[in-house]
Amino acid sequence: MEVLIIASASKELLINEQIRVNEMMVIGPNGEQMGQKNLNDALTLARYAGLDLVLMNDNGNMAVAKIMDYNKYRYERQKKLKEAQKKQRETNKELKEYRLSVTIDIHDFETRVRNAKEYLVKGHKIKAFIRFKGRQMARPELGKEVLLRFYEALNDVSTIEAEPKMDGRQMFMLLAPKSK
């Protein structure tokens, strides 16, 4: 009976009857080198050990196969990948933006402060900005006061990473969570 493989996942390794290499270097289950074997001998050794023959590397001058429990190997590889993704998520915290106004109402301001505090506690950074409209451009110090008042309301959980500064028609400031 011949096994026909139409498509397999690109990251999956060939095991047992999927291997099409005649000669290979075989590594035992404990990492010992068993020497150069042909495919049938290597499969016999793997079956005798109750394990799988896994083709680790087939490019180069000699293919390398290892006798191991393939399901356990895949499980541990997936576990490591999930752990690496989790660490990457922790390092790439989000930047949340909060748009304020020179004429912001007290309740709107308090709501934004409350939401920003939740995100800072989670470890995210905050970008607070004010977009000036029309004649507000003549009084940028009013916008700076609002941004500094926003920081004062959050100074127990945050530090200023970038002071308020103008960028075209808007003024922004970056807040980072306080390190524990």
N, C-alpha and C. Protein backbone atom coordinates (compact mmCIF):
# COMPACT_ATOMS: atom_id res chain seq x y z
N MET A 1 0.84 -1.18 0.00
CA MET A 1 0.00 0.00 0.00
C MET A 1 0.88 1.24 0.00
N GLU A 2 0.65 2.13 -0.95
CA GLU A 2 1.46 3.34 -1.05
C GLU A 2 0.65 4.51 -0.51
N VAL A 3 1.31 5.32 0.32
CA VAL A 3 0.66 6.48 0.91
C VAL A 3 0.92 7.68 0.02
N LEU A 4 -0.13 8.34 -0.42
CA LEU A 4 0.00 9.51 -1.28
C LEU A 4 -0.30 10.74 -0.44
N ILE A 5 0.67 11.64 -0.38
CA ILE A 5 0.50 12.87 0.38
C ILE A 5 0.31 14.00 -0.62
N ILE A 6 -0.88 14.55 -0.67
CA ILE A 6 -1.17 15.62 -1.62
C ILE A 6 -0.62 16.94 -1.10
N ALA A 7 -0.95 17.30 0.12
CA ALA A 7 -0.46 18.55 0.71
C ALA A 7 -0.29 18.33 2.19
N SER A 8 0.81 18.81 2.71
CA SER A 8 1.03 18.74 4.15
C SER A 8 1.43 20.13 4.62
N ALA A 9 1.27 20.36 5.88
CA ALA A 9 1.65 21.66 6.43
C ALA A 9 3.14 21.88 6.21
N SER A 10 3.52 23.07 5.86
CA SER A 10 4.91 23.35 5.51
C SER A 10 5.85 23.16 6.71
N LYS A 11 5.33 23.30 7.94
CA LYS A 11 6.18 23.19 9.12
C LYS A 11 6.27 21.76 9.64
N GLU A 12 5.45 20.87 9.13
CA GLU A 12 5.43 19.50 9.62
C GLU A 12 6.62 18.72 9.06
N LEU A 13 7.15 17.84 9.88
CA LEU A 13 8.27 16.99 9.47
C LEU A 13 7.72 15.68 8.91
N LEU A 14 8.48 15.05 8.04
CA LEU A 14 8.08 13.75 7.50
C LEU A 14 8.37 12.67 8.52
N ILE A 15 7.42 11.73 8.68
CA ILE A 15 7.62 10.65 9.64
C ILE A 15 7.34 9.31 8.98
N ASN A 16 8.00 8.27 9.49
CA ASN A 16 7.82 6.88 9.09
C ASN A 16 7.70 6.67 7.59
N GLU A 17 6.53 6.23 7.09
CA GLU A 17 6.39 5.88 5.68
C GLU A 17 6.36 7.10 4.75
N GLN A 18 6.25 8.30 5.30
CA GLN A 18 6.26 9.51 4.47
C GLN A 18 7.66 9.82 3.94
N ILE A 19 8.67 9.27 4.58
CA ILE A 19 10.06 9.56 4.22
C ILE A 19 10.39 8.89 2.89
N ARG A 20 11.00 9.64 1.97
CA ARG A 20 11.35 9.13 0.64
C ARG A 20 12.87 9.11 0.40
N VAL A 21 13.66 9.21 1.44
CA VAL A 21 15.12 9.19 1.31
C VAL A 21 15.60 7.77 1.56
N ASN A 22 16.50 7.27 0.71
CA ASN A 22 16.97 5.89 0.86
C ASN A 22 18.03 5.74 1.95
N GLU A 23 19.00 6.63 1.99
CA GLU A 23 20.09 6.56 2.97
C GLU A 23 20.01 7.75 3.91
N MET A 24 20.26 7.52 5.20
CA MET A 24 20.20 8.61 6.17
C MET A 24 21.07 8.31 7.37
N MET A 25 21.47 9.39 8.05
CA MET A 25 22.18 9.28 9.33
C MET A 25 21.09 9.18 10.39
N VAL A 26 21.16 8.17 11.25
CA VAL A 26 20.12 7.93 12.24
C VAL A 26 20.62 8.29 13.63
N ILE A 27 19.80 9.03 14.36
CA ILE A 27 20.10 9.39 15.74
C ILE A 27 19.10 8.67 16.62
N GLY A 28 19.58 8.02 17.65
CA GLY A 28 18.74 7.21 18.52
C GLY A 28 17.87 8.04 19.45
N PRO A 29 16.99 7.37 20.19
CA PRO A 29 16.07 8.08 21.08
C PRO A 29 16.76 8.84 22.21
N ASN A 30 17.96 8.43 22.59
CA ASN A 30 18.69 9.11 23.67
C ASN A 30 19.75 10.07 23.13
N GLY A 31 19.71 10.34 21.83
CA GLY A 31 20.65 11.28 21.23
C GLY A 31 21.94 10.64 20.73
N GLU A 32 22.06 9.32 20.82
CA GLU A 32 23.28 8.65 20.37
C GLU A 32 23.25 8.46 18.85
N GLN A 33 24.40 8.56 18.23
CA GLN A 33 24.49 8.38 16.77
C GLN A 33 24.50 6.87 16.49
N MET A 34 23.59 6.45 15.63
CA MET A 34 23.49 5.03 15.29
C MET A 34 24.14 4.73 13.95
N GLY A 35 24.64 5.78 13.28
CA GLY A 35 25.33 5.58 12.02
C GLY A 35 24.43 5.73 10.81
N GLN A 36 25.00 5.41 9.67
CA GLN A 36 24.29 5.54 8.40
C GLN A 36 23.48 4.27 8.15
N LYS A 37 22.17 4.45 7.90
CA LYS A 37 21.29 3.31 7.69
C LYS A 37 20.43 3.55 6.46
N ASN A 38 19.92 2.47 5.89
CA ASN A 38 18.94 2.66 4.82
C ASN A 38 17.56 2.78 5.46
N LEU A 39 16.58 3.19 4.69
CA LEU A 39 15.25 3.51 5.20
C LEU A 39 14.61 2.33 5.93
N ASN A 40 14.67 1.13 5.35
CA ASN A 40 14.02 -0.03 5.96
C ASN A 40 14.62 -0.38 7.32
N ASP A 41 15.96 -0.32 7.42
CA ASP A 41 16.61 -0.62 8.70
C ASP A 41 16.23 0.41 9.76
N ALA A 42 16.20 1.66 9.35
CA ALA A 42 15.86 2.73 10.29
C ALA A 42 14.41 2.58 10.77
N LEU A 43 13.49 2.25 9.87
CA LEU A 43 12.09 2.06 10.26
C LEU A 43 11.96 0.86 11.21
N THR A 44 12.73 -0.21 10.95
CA THR A 44 12.70 -1.38 11.82
C THR A 44 13.18 -1.02 13.23
N LEU A 45 14.27 -0.24 13.31
CA LEU A 45 14.78 0.19 14.61
C LEU A 45 13.74 1.03 15.36
N ALA A 46 13.07 1.94 14.64
CA ALA A 46 12.07 2.81 15.27
C ALA A 46 10.89 1.99 15.79
N ARG A 47 10.42 1.03 14.98
CA ARG A 47 9.29 0.19 15.40
C ARG A 47 9.67 -0.68 16.60
N TYR A 48 10.89 -1.17 16.60
CA TYR A 48 11.38 -1.99 17.70
C TYR A 48 11.37 -1.19 19.01
N ALA A 49 11.71 0.10 18.92
CA ALA A 49 11.72 0.97 20.10
C ALA A 49 10.31 1.47 20.44
N GLY A 50 9.35 1.23 19.56
CA GLY A 50 7.98 1.71 19.80
C GLY A 50 7.84 3.21 19.57
N LEU A 51 8.71 3.76 18.72
CA LEU A 51 8.71 5.20 18.46
C LEU A 51 8.58 5.47 16.97
N ASP A 52 8.67 6.75 16.59
CA ASP A 52 8.58 7.15 15.18
C ASP A 52 9.96 7.50 14.65
N LEU A 53 10.12 7.33 13.34
CA LEU A 53 11.32 7.79 12.65
C LEU A 53 10.96 9.13 12.02
N VAL A 54 11.65 10.20 12.43
CA VAL A 54 11.32 11.55 11.99
C VAL A 54 12.48 12.11 11.19
N LEU A 55 12.20 12.54 9.97
CA LEU A 55 13.23 13.14 9.11
C LEU A 55 13.44 14.58 9.56
N MET A 56 14.58 14.84 10.20
CA MET A 56 14.85 16.16 10.76
C MET A 56 15.42 17.11 9.70
N ASN A 57 16.28 16.58 8.82
CA ASN A 57 16.94 17.43 7.84
C ASN A 57 17.25 16.59 6.61
N ASP A 58 16.71 16.99 5.46
CA ASP A 58 16.99 16.21 4.26
C ASP A 58 17.77 17.00 3.21
N ASN A 59 18.19 18.21 3.52
CA ASN A 59 19.05 18.91 2.57
C ASN A 59 20.50 18.78 3.03
N GLY A 60 21.40 18.99 2.13
CA GLY A 60 22.80 18.77 2.45
C GLY A 60 23.25 17.45 1.84
N ASN A 61 24.42 16.97 2.23
CA ASN A 61 24.94 15.75 1.62
C ASN A 61 24.35 14.48 2.24
N MET A 62 23.88 14.54 3.50
CA MET A 62 23.33 13.35 4.15
C MET A 62 22.08 13.75 4.93
N ALA A 63 20.97 13.06 4.69
CA ALA A 63 19.74 13.30 5.43
C ALA A 63 19.91 12.82 6.87
N VAL A 64 19.24 13.49 7.79
CA VAL A 64 19.34 13.13 9.20
C VAL A 64 17.94 12.79 9.70
N ALA A 65 17.80 11.62 10.32
CA ALA A 65 16.53 11.20 10.89
C ALA A 65 16.75 10.85 12.35
N LYS A 66 15.72 11.07 13.15
CA LYS A 66 15.82 10.80 14.58
C LYS A 66 14.67 9.90 15.00
N ILE A 67 14.98 8.97 15.90
CA ILE A 67 13.97 8.08 16.45
C ILE A 67 13.44 8.75 17.72
N MET A 68 12.12 9.08 17.71
CA MET A 68 11.52 9.79 18.85
C MET A 68 10.01 9.60 18.85
N ASP A 69 9.38 10.04 19.93
CA ASP A 69 7.92 10.07 20.01
C ASP A 69 7.48 11.38 19.36
N TYR A 70 6.96 11.29 18.14
CA TYR A 70 6.66 12.49 17.35
C TYR A 70 5.54 13.33 17.95
N ASN A 71 4.52 12.69 18.51
CA ASN A 71 3.42 13.45 19.12
C ASN A 71 3.89 14.27 20.30
N LYS A 72 4.78 13.70 21.11
CA LYS A 72 5.33 14.43 22.25
C LYS A 72 6.17 15.60 21.75
N TYR A 73 6.96 15.38 20.70
CA TYR A 73 7.79 16.42 20.12
C TYR A 73 6.93 17.58 19.61
N ARG A 74 5.84 17.26 18.88
CA ARG A 74 4.94 18.30 18.36
C ARG A 74 4.28 19.08 19.49
N TYR A 75 3.85 18.36 20.54
CA TYR A 75 3.21 19.01 21.67
C TYR A 75 4.15 20.01 22.34
N GLU A 76 5.40 19.60 22.56
CA GLU A 76 6.36 20.49 23.22
C GLU A 76 6.72 21.67 22.33
N ARG A 77 6.79 21.44 21.02
CA ARG A 77 7.09 22.53 20.09
C ARG A 77 5.96 23.56 20.09
N GLN A 78 4.69 23.09 20.11
CA GLN A 78 3.55 24.00 20.16
C GLN A 78 3.52 24.77 21.47
N LYS A 79 3.89 24.11 22.55
CA LYS A 79 3.91 24.74 23.86
C LYS A 79 4.95 25.88 23.89
N LYS A 80 6.13 25.62 23.32
CA LYS A 80 7.17 26.66 23.25
C LYS A 80 6.72 27.83 22.39
N LEU A 81 6.04 27.53 21.28
CA LEU A 81 5.56 28.58 20.38
C LEU A 81 4.53 29.46 21.07
N LYS A 82 3.60 28.85 21.81
CA LYS A 82 2.60 29.63 22.55
C LYS A 82 3.26 30.50 23.60
N GLU A 83 4.27 29.97 24.28
CA GLU A 83 4.98 30.74 25.30
C GLU A 83 5.70 31.93 24.67
N ALA A 84 6.31 31.72 23.51
CA ALA A 84 7.00 32.81 22.82
C ALA A 84 6.00 33.88 22.37
N GLN A 85 4.82 33.48 21.89
CA GLN A 85 3.80 34.44 21.48
C GLN A 85 3.29 35.23 22.68
N LYS A 86 3.16 34.56 23.82
CA LYS A 86 2.69 35.23 25.02
C LYS A 86 3.70 36.30 25.45
N LYS A 87 4.99 35.96 25.41
CA LYS A 87 6.02 36.93 25.77
C LYS A 87 6.03 38.10 24.80
N GLN A 88 5.80 37.82 23.53
CA GLN A 88 5.78 38.89 22.53
C GLN A 88 4.61 39.83 22.78
N ARG A 89 3.45 39.28 23.15
CA ARG A 89 2.30 40.14 23.46
C ARG A 89 2.61 41.04 24.64
N GLU A 90 3.32 40.51 25.64
CA GLU A 90 3.65 41.30 26.82
C GLU A 90 4.59 42.44 26.47
N THR A 91 5.51 42.22 25.53
CA THR A 91 6.44 43.29 25.18
C THR A 91 5.81 44.30 24.25
N ASN A 92 4.79 43.91 23.49
CA ASN A 92 4.13 44.84 22.57
C ASN A 92 2.82 45.33 23.16
N LYS A 93 2.92 46.11 24.22
CA LYS A 93 1.71 46.67 24.82
C LYS A 93 1.12 47.71 23.88
N GLU A 94 -0.17 47.92 23.99
CA GLU A 94 -0.86 48.83 23.10
C GLU A 94 -0.66 50.28 23.52
N LEU A 95 -0.85 51.17 22.54
CA LEU A 95 -0.84 52.60 22.79
C LEU A 95 -2.28 53.08 22.61
N LYS A 96 -2.92 53.48 23.69
CA LYS A 96 -4.30 53.94 23.64
C LYS A 96 -4.30 55.46 23.49
N GLU A 97 -5.17 55.95 22.62
CA GLU A 97 -5.24 57.39 22.37
C GLU A 97 -6.51 57.95 23.01
N TYR A 98 -6.35 59.11 23.65
CA TYR A 98 -7.46 59.83 24.24
C TYR A 98 -7.47 61.24 23.70
N ARG A 99 -8.57 61.61 23.05
CA ARG A 99 -8.70 62.95 22.47
C ARG A 99 -9.41 63.84 23.47
N LEU A 100 -8.74 64.88 23.87
CA LEU A 100 -9.31 65.85 24.79
C LEU A 100 -9.60 67.13 24.02
N SER A 101 -10.21 68.10 24.68
CA SER A 101 -10.53 69.37 24.05
C SER A 101 -10.20 70.49 25.02
N VAL A 102 -9.94 71.67 24.49
CA VAL A 102 -9.69 72.83 25.33
C VAL A 102 -10.93 73.14 26.17
N THR A 103 -12.10 72.89 25.60
CA THR A 103 -13.36 73.20 26.28
C THR A 103 -14.06 71.94 26.78
N ILE A 104 -13.29 70.96 27.26
CA ILE A 104 -13.87 69.69 27.68
C ILE A 104 -14.69 69.86 28.96
N ASP A 105 -15.81 69.16 29.03
CA ASP A 105 -16.69 69.21 30.19
C ASP A 105 -16.08 68.36 31.31
N ILE A 106 -16.41 68.68 32.54
CA ILE A 106 -15.84 67.99 33.71
C ILE A 106 -16.15 66.50 33.69
N HIS A 107 -17.40 66.13 33.37
CA HIS A 107 -17.78 64.72 33.39
C HIS A 107 -17.08 63.93 32.27
N ASP A 108 -16.94 64.55 31.09
CA ASP A 108 -16.20 63.90 30.00
C ASP A 108 -14.75 63.68 30.41
N PHE A 109 -14.18 64.69 31.03
CA PHE A 109 -12.79 64.61 31.48
C PHE A 109 -12.62 63.48 32.50
N GLU A 110 -13.53 63.40 33.48
CA GLU A 110 -13.44 62.36 34.51
C GLU A 110 -13.62 60.96 33.91
N THR A 111 -14.49 60.83 32.92
CA THR A 111 -14.69 59.54 32.26
C THR A 111 -13.41 59.10 31.55
N ARG A 112 -12.78 60.02 30.83
CA ARG A 112 -11.52 59.68 30.14
C ARG A 112 -10.42 59.34 31.13
N VAL A 113 -10.38 60.05 32.25
CA VAL A 113 -9.38 59.75 33.29
C VAL A 113 -9.61 58.35 33.84
N ARG A 114 -10.86 58.01 34.11
CA ARG A 114 -11.19 56.68 34.67
C ARG A 114 -10.80 55.57 33.69
N ASN A 115 -11.14 55.74 32.40
CA ASN A 115 -10.79 54.73 31.39
C ASN A 115 -9.28 54.63 31.21
N ALA A 116 -8.61 55.78 31.18
CA ALA A 116 -7.15 55.78 31.00
C ALA A 116 -6.47 55.10 32.17
N LYS A 117 -7.00 55.29 33.37
CA LYS A 117 -6.40 54.67 34.56
C LYS A 117 -6.46 53.14 34.45
N GLU A 118 -7.60 52.61 33.94
CA GLU A 118 -7.72 51.16 33.76
C GLU A 118 -6.65 50.64 32.81
N TYR A 119 -6.44 51.35 31.68
CA TYR A 119 -5.44 50.90 30.72
C TYR A 119 -4.03 51.03 31.26
N LEU A 120 -3.75 52.06 32.02
CA LEU A 120 -2.42 52.21 32.61
C LEU A 120 -2.14 51.09 33.61
N VAL A 121 -3.15 50.71 34.38
CA VAL A 121 -2.98 49.61 35.34
C VAL A 121 -2.68 48.30 34.61
N LYS A 122 -3.30 48.11 33.41
CA LYS A 122 -3.04 46.91 32.61
C LYS A 122 -1.65 46.92 32.00
N GLY A 123 -0.98 48.08 31.97
CA GLY A 123 0.37 48.16 31.42
C GLY A 123 0.45 48.83 30.06
N HIS A 124 -0.65 49.37 29.55
CA HIS A 124 -0.63 50.04 28.25
C HIS A 124 -0.16 51.48 28.40
N LYS A 125 0.32 52.06 27.30
CA LYS A 125 0.70 53.46 27.29
C LYS A 125 -0.48 54.28 26.80
N ILE A 126 -0.48 55.55 27.16
CA ILE A 126 -1.56 56.46 26.81
C ILE A 126 -0.99 57.64 26.02
N LYS A 127 -1.67 57.97 24.92
CA LYS A 127 -1.34 59.19 24.18
C LYS A 127 -2.56 60.10 24.30
N ALA A 128 -2.40 61.20 25.02
CA ALA A 128 -3.48 62.17 25.16
C ALA A 128 -3.18 63.32 24.22
N PHE A 129 -4.18 63.74 23.44
CA PHE A 129 -3.93 64.85 22.51
C PHE A 129 -5.13 65.77 22.41
N ILE A 130 -4.83 66.99 22.03
CA ILE A 130 -5.85 68.02 21.83
C ILE A 130 -5.68 68.54 20.41
N ARG A 131 -6.77 68.55 19.64
CA ARG A 131 -6.76 69.11 18.30
C ARG A 131 -7.36 70.51 18.39
N PHE A 132 -6.57 71.51 18.03
CA PHE A 132 -7.03 72.90 18.10
C PHE A 132 -7.83 73.25 16.86
N LYS A 133 -8.93 73.98 17.07
CA LYS A 133 -9.79 74.39 15.96
C LYS A 133 -9.85 75.91 15.92
N GLY A 134 -9.77 76.46 14.75
CA GLY A 134 -9.97 77.89 14.53
C GLY A 134 -9.13 78.77 15.43
N ARG A 135 -9.81 79.60 16.24
CA ARG A 135 -9.12 80.59 17.06
C ARG A 135 -8.46 79.99 18.29
N GLN A 136 -8.69 78.71 18.56
CA GLN A 136 -8.01 78.05 19.69
C GLN A 136 -6.51 78.01 19.46
N MET A 137 -6.08 78.09 18.20
CA MET A 137 -4.64 78.06 17.88
C MET A 137 -3.91 79.25 18.51
N ALA A 138 -4.62 80.33 18.79
CA ALA A 138 -4.00 81.52 19.38
C ALA A 138 -3.66 81.29 20.86
N ARG A 139 -4.28 80.29 21.52
CA ARG A 139 -4.05 80.07 22.94
C ARG A 139 -3.65 78.62 23.22
N PRO A 140 -2.48 78.15 22.73
CA PRO A 140 -2.08 76.76 22.98
C PRO A 140 -1.82 76.45 24.45
N GLU A 141 -1.57 77.48 25.27
CA GLU A 141 -1.31 77.25 26.69
C GLU A 141 -2.55 76.67 27.40
N LEU A 142 -3.74 76.97 26.88
CA LEU A 142 -4.96 76.38 27.46
C LEU A 142 -4.98 74.87 27.24
N GLY A 143 -4.55 74.44 26.06
CA GLY A 143 -4.47 73.01 25.77
C GLY A 143 -3.45 72.32 26.65
N LYS A 144 -2.32 73.00 26.87
CA LYS A 144 -1.27 72.43 27.72
C LYS A 144 -1.78 72.26 29.14
N GLU A 145 -2.57 73.22 29.62
CA GLU A 145 -3.15 73.13 30.97
C GLU A 145 -4.06 71.90 31.08
N VAL A 146 -4.87 71.66 30.06
CA VAL A 146 -5.77 70.50 30.08
C VAL A 146 -4.96 69.20 30.12
N LEU A 147 -3.91 69.12 29.29
CA LEU A 147 -3.09 67.90 29.27
C LEU A 147 -2.39 67.69 30.61
N LEU A 148 -1.87 68.76 31.21
CA LEU A 148 -1.20 68.62 32.50
C LEU A 148 -2.20 68.26 33.60
N ARG A 149 -3.43 68.78 33.51
CA ARG A 149 -4.48 68.41 34.47
C ARG A 149 -4.82 66.92 34.31
N PHE A 150 -4.81 66.42 33.06
CA PHE A 150 -5.05 65.00 32.78
C PHE A 150 -3.95 64.16 33.44
N TYR A 151 -2.69 64.61 33.32
CA TYR A 151 -1.59 63.88 33.96
C TYR A 151 -1.73 63.92 35.48
N GLU A 152 -2.06 65.08 36.03
CA GLU A 152 -2.20 65.20 37.49
C GLU A 152 -3.26 64.23 38.02
N ALA A 153 -4.32 64.03 37.27
CA ALA A 153 -5.36 63.10 37.69
C ALA A 153 -4.87 61.65 37.63
N LEU A 154 -3.84 61.39 36.81
CA LEU A 154 -3.32 60.02 36.63
C LEU A 154 -1.93 59.82 37.22
N ASN A 155 -1.38 60.81 37.94
CA ASN A 155 0.02 60.71 38.35
C ASN A 155 0.28 59.61 39.37
N ASP A 156 -0.76 59.03 40.00
CA ASP A 156 -0.53 57.93 40.93
C ASP A 156 -0.23 56.62 40.21
N VAL A 157 -0.64 56.49 38.93
CA VAL A 157 -0.39 55.26 38.18
C VAL A 157 0.45 55.47 36.92
N SER A 158 0.88 56.73 36.65
CA SER A 158 1.61 56.98 35.40
C SER A 158 2.75 57.97 35.58
N THR A 159 3.63 57.96 34.60
CA THR A 159 4.70 58.95 34.50
C THR A 159 4.65 59.55 33.10
N ILE A 160 5.16 60.76 32.96
CA ILE A 160 5.16 61.40 31.66
C ILE A 160 6.36 60.87 30.87
N GLU A 161 6.08 60.28 29.72
CA GLU A 161 7.14 59.80 28.85
C GLU A 161 7.56 60.87 27.86
N ALA A 162 6.59 61.67 27.40
CA ALA A 162 6.87 62.79 26.50
C ALA A 162 6.03 63.98 26.95
N GLU A 163 6.70 65.08 27.26
CA GLU A 163 6.02 66.31 27.69
C GLU A 163 5.07 66.79 26.60
N PRO A 164 4.05 67.59 26.96
CA PRO A 164 3.14 68.13 25.94
C PRO A 164 3.90 68.98 24.91
N LYS A 165 3.66 68.68 23.63
CA LYS A 165 4.31 69.47 22.58
C LYS A 165 3.39 69.59 21.38
N MET A 166 3.58 70.67 20.63
CA MET A 166 2.76 70.95 19.46
C MET A 166 3.25 70.15 18.27
N ASP A 167 2.30 69.71 17.46
CA ASP A 167 2.60 69.03 16.20
C ASP A 167 1.53 69.46 15.22
N GLY A 168 1.79 70.53 14.49
CA GLY A 168 0.80 71.07 13.58
C GLY A 168 -0.34 71.70 14.35
N ARG A 169 -1.56 71.22 14.14
CA ARG A 169 -2.73 71.76 14.82
C ARG A 169 -3.09 70.98 16.08
N GLN A 170 -2.22 70.08 16.50
CA GLN A 170 -2.54 69.33 17.72
C GLN A 170 -1.36 69.33 18.68
N MET A 171 -1.69 69.18 19.96
CA MET A 171 -0.69 69.06 21.02
C MET A 171 -0.90 67.70 21.66
N PHE A 172 0.20 66.98 21.89
CA PHE A 172 0.05 65.65 22.48
C PHE A 172 1.06 65.41 23.58
N MET A 173 0.78 64.38 24.38
CA MET A 173 1.64 63.99 25.49
C MET A 173 1.52 62.47 25.63
N LEU A 174 2.63 61.82 25.97
CA LEU A 174 2.63 60.37 26.17
C LEU A 174 2.78 60.06 27.66
N LEU A 175 1.94 59.15 28.14
CA LEU A 175 2.01 58.69 29.52
C LEU A 175 2.33 57.20 29.54
N ALA A 176 3.23 56.81 30.41
CA ALA A 176 3.58 55.39 30.56
C ALA A 176 3.19 54.94 31.97
N PRO A 177 2.87 53.66 32.14
CA PRO A 177 2.53 53.18 33.50
C PRO A 177 3.76 53.24 34.41
N LYS A 178 3.51 53.51 35.67
CA LYS A 178 4.61 53.52 36.63
C LYS A 178 5.11 52.11 36.82
N SER A 179 6.43 51.95 36.88
CA SER A 179 6.98 50.62 37.10
C SER A 179 6.73 50.23 38.54
N LYS A 180 6.44 48.94 38.73
CA LYS A 180 6.08 48.45 40.06
C LYS A 180 7.30 48.33 40.94
